[in-house]
């Protein structure tokens, strides 16, 4: 189901959120790095 998003803050969250990053290999790498640096999110 596609949710209509108008406001920018939601759009930004959609692009840069944890779940979005988990979907790609590069993103998983980023999340792993963040976890290593700061503990869990």
N, C-alpha and C. Protein backbone atom coordinates (compact mmCIF):
# COMPACT_ATOMS: atom_id res chain seq x y z
N UNK A 1 0.83 -1.19 0.00
CA UNK A 1 0.00 0.00 0.00
C UNK A 1 0.87 1.25 0.00
N UNK A 2 0.57 2.14 -0.90
CA UNK A 2 1.38 3.36 -0.98
C UNK A 2 0.70 4.45 -0.18
N UNK A 3 1.47 5.08 0.69
CA UNK A 3 0.93 6.17 1.49
C UNK A 3 1.33 7.48 0.85
N UNK A 4 0.37 8.38 0.65
CA UNK A 4 0.68 9.66 0.05
C UNK A 4 1.40 10.53 1.06
N UNK A 5 2.59 11.00 0.68
CA UNK A 5 3.35 11.85 1.59
C UNK A 5 3.54 13.22 0.99
N UNK A 6 3.11 14.22 1.72
CA UNK A 6 3.29 15.56 1.23
C UNK A 6 4.40 16.29 1.97
N UNK A 7 4.38 16.24 3.31
CA UNK A 7 5.31 17.13 4.01
C UNK A 7 6.75 16.63 4.05
N UNK A 8 7.65 17.57 4.00
CA UNK A 8 9.06 17.29 3.77
C UNK A 8 9.70 16.47 4.87
N UNK A 9 9.29 16.71 6.12
CA UNK A 9 9.92 15.98 7.20
C UNK A 9 9.65 14.48 7.08
N UNK A 10 8.44 14.14 6.70
CA UNK A 10 8.11 12.72 6.50
C UNK A 10 8.88 12.16 5.33
N UNK A 11 8.97 12.94 4.26
CA UNK A 11 9.72 12.49 3.08
C UNK A 11 11.16 12.20 3.45
N UNK A 12 11.75 13.10 4.21
CA UNK A 12 13.13 12.94 4.62
C UNK A 12 13.30 11.69 5.46
N UNK A 13 12.38 11.49 6.40
CA UNK A 13 12.46 10.31 7.25
C UNK A 13 12.36 9.04 6.44
N UNK A 14 11.52 9.09 5.41
CA UNK A 14 11.36 7.93 4.56
C UNK A 14 12.64 7.57 3.83
N UNK A 15 13.37 8.61 3.43
CA UNK A 15 14.60 8.36 2.68
C UNK A 15 15.76 7.95 3.57
N UNK A 16 15.78 8.44 4.81
CA UNK A 16 16.98 8.26 5.62
C UNK A 16 16.75 7.46 6.89
N UNK A 17 15.56 6.87 7.04
CA UNK A 17 15.25 6.12 8.25
C UNK A 17 16.01 4.83 8.34
N UNK A 18 16.00 4.25 9.52
CA UNK A 18 16.70 3.00 9.80
C UNK A 18 16.22 1.88 8.88
N UNK A 19 14.91 1.73 8.74
CA UNK A 19 14.37 0.63 7.94
C UNK A 19 14.75 0.76 6.48
N UNK A 20 14.73 1.99 5.99
CA UNK A 20 15.08 2.24 4.60
C UNK A 20 16.52 1.82 4.37
N UNK A 21 17.40 2.21 5.29
CA UNK A 21 18.81 1.87 5.14
C UNK A 21 19.05 0.38 5.21
N UNK A 22 18.24 -0.32 6.00
CA UNK A 22 18.42 -1.76 6.13
C UNK A 22 18.17 -2.48 4.81
N UNK A 23 17.46 -1.86 3.90
CA UNK A 23 17.05 -2.54 2.67
C UNK A 23 18.17 -2.69 1.65
N UNK A 24 19.27 -1.95 1.79
CA UNK A 24 20.36 -2.08 0.83
C UNK A 24 21.63 -2.51 1.55
N UNK A 25 22.54 -3.08 0.78
CA UNK A 25 23.80 -3.54 1.35
C UNK A 25 24.58 -2.37 1.95
N UNK A 26 24.65 -1.28 1.19
CA UNK A 26 25.36 -0.09 1.67
C UNK A 26 24.75 0.45 2.94
N UNK A 27 23.42 0.46 2.98
CA UNK A 27 22.71 0.97 4.15
C UNK A 27 22.95 0.13 5.38
N UNK A 28 23.01 -1.19 5.17
CA UNK A 28 23.27 -2.08 6.30
C UNK A 28 24.65 -1.80 6.87
N UNK A 29 25.56 -1.49 5.97
CA UNK A 29 26.92 -1.16 6.38
C UNK A 29 26.92 0.10 7.24
N UNK A 30 26.15 1.10 6.79
CA UNK A 30 26.03 2.36 7.54
C UNK A 30 25.47 2.09 8.93
N UNK A 31 24.39 1.30 8.99
CA UNK A 31 23.75 1.00 10.27
C UNK A 31 24.71 0.28 11.20
N UNK A 32 25.49 -0.61 10.62
CA UNK A 32 26.45 -1.36 11.40
C UNK A 32 27.49 -0.41 12.00
N UNK A 33 27.93 0.52 11.17
CA UNK A 33 28.92 1.51 11.61
C UNK A 33 28.36 2.37 12.74
N UNK A 34 27.10 2.81 12.55
CA UNK A 34 26.46 3.63 13.59
C UNK A 34 26.37 2.86 14.90
N UNK A 35 26.02 1.59 14.79
CA UNK A 35 25.88 0.77 15.98
C UNK A 35 27.20 0.62 16.70
N UNK A 36 28.26 0.44 15.91
CA UNK A 36 29.59 0.28 16.48
C UNK A 36 30.01 1.56 17.22
N UNK A 37 29.65 2.70 16.64
CA UNK A 37 30.06 3.96 17.23
C UNK A 37 29.27 4.34 18.46
N UNK A 38 27.94 4.15 18.38
CA UNK A 38 27.09 4.69 19.44
C UNK A 38 26.33 3.65 20.25
N UNK A 39 26.68 2.38 20.09
CA UNK A 39 25.84 1.37 20.72
C UNK A 39 24.60 1.22 19.89
N UNK A 40 23.53 0.65 20.44
CA UNK A 40 22.35 0.46 19.60
C UNK A 40 21.65 1.79 19.39
N UNK A 41 20.74 1.84 18.43
CA UNK A 41 20.07 3.10 18.08
C UNK A 41 19.08 3.46 19.15
